[in-house]
Amino acid sequence: LAWRRNWLPDDAGHFLPFDAFVRGAAFWGEVWGWGAAGGVILLSVILAGAAAALLWAPQVRALGPEIRLWAVSYLVYLLAVFFPQSSIFRLLVPLSPLWGAFAVPRSLVWRVGVLIACLAGQWWWIYNMYALGNRFWQIP
């Protein structure tokens, strides 16, 4: 993880598993005005929610143990070695089999709503990355 060394405030160059996400959450908590503790709390809430969904949500359980174990293993890997950055969404693409949980309900209204939400999210992402991307300091 030599690339990360220039982004750390201390020049020790040490690597501890899971340390990068905790530091990243503290950093983004400060940037968003929640304080370092607020960022770490938000990370904890997101992790607890993801764990609960992977363990107990019936829609996710319907996908089978292989997809659930893959998702847990990959998320733990990302948390252990990666620094949270703008490309985290690109790194989450291998978790796309979990989108099958949103296809479980058979309601046409639900499926159209999910499609509209995904299209709106795509345009929101393009706007934030390309239109606003040069106006804010970003970690590569």
Foldseek 3Di string as FASTA:
>chain_A
DVVCQVVDPDNPPDAFFLPQALVLLQVVCVVVVNHNVRSNVVVVVVVVVVVCCLPPPPLNVVLDDVLSVVLVVLVSVCSGDHHDFPCVVVSCVVNVVSCSSQVPDPDPVSVVVVVVVVVVVVVVSCCCCPVCVVVDDGDD
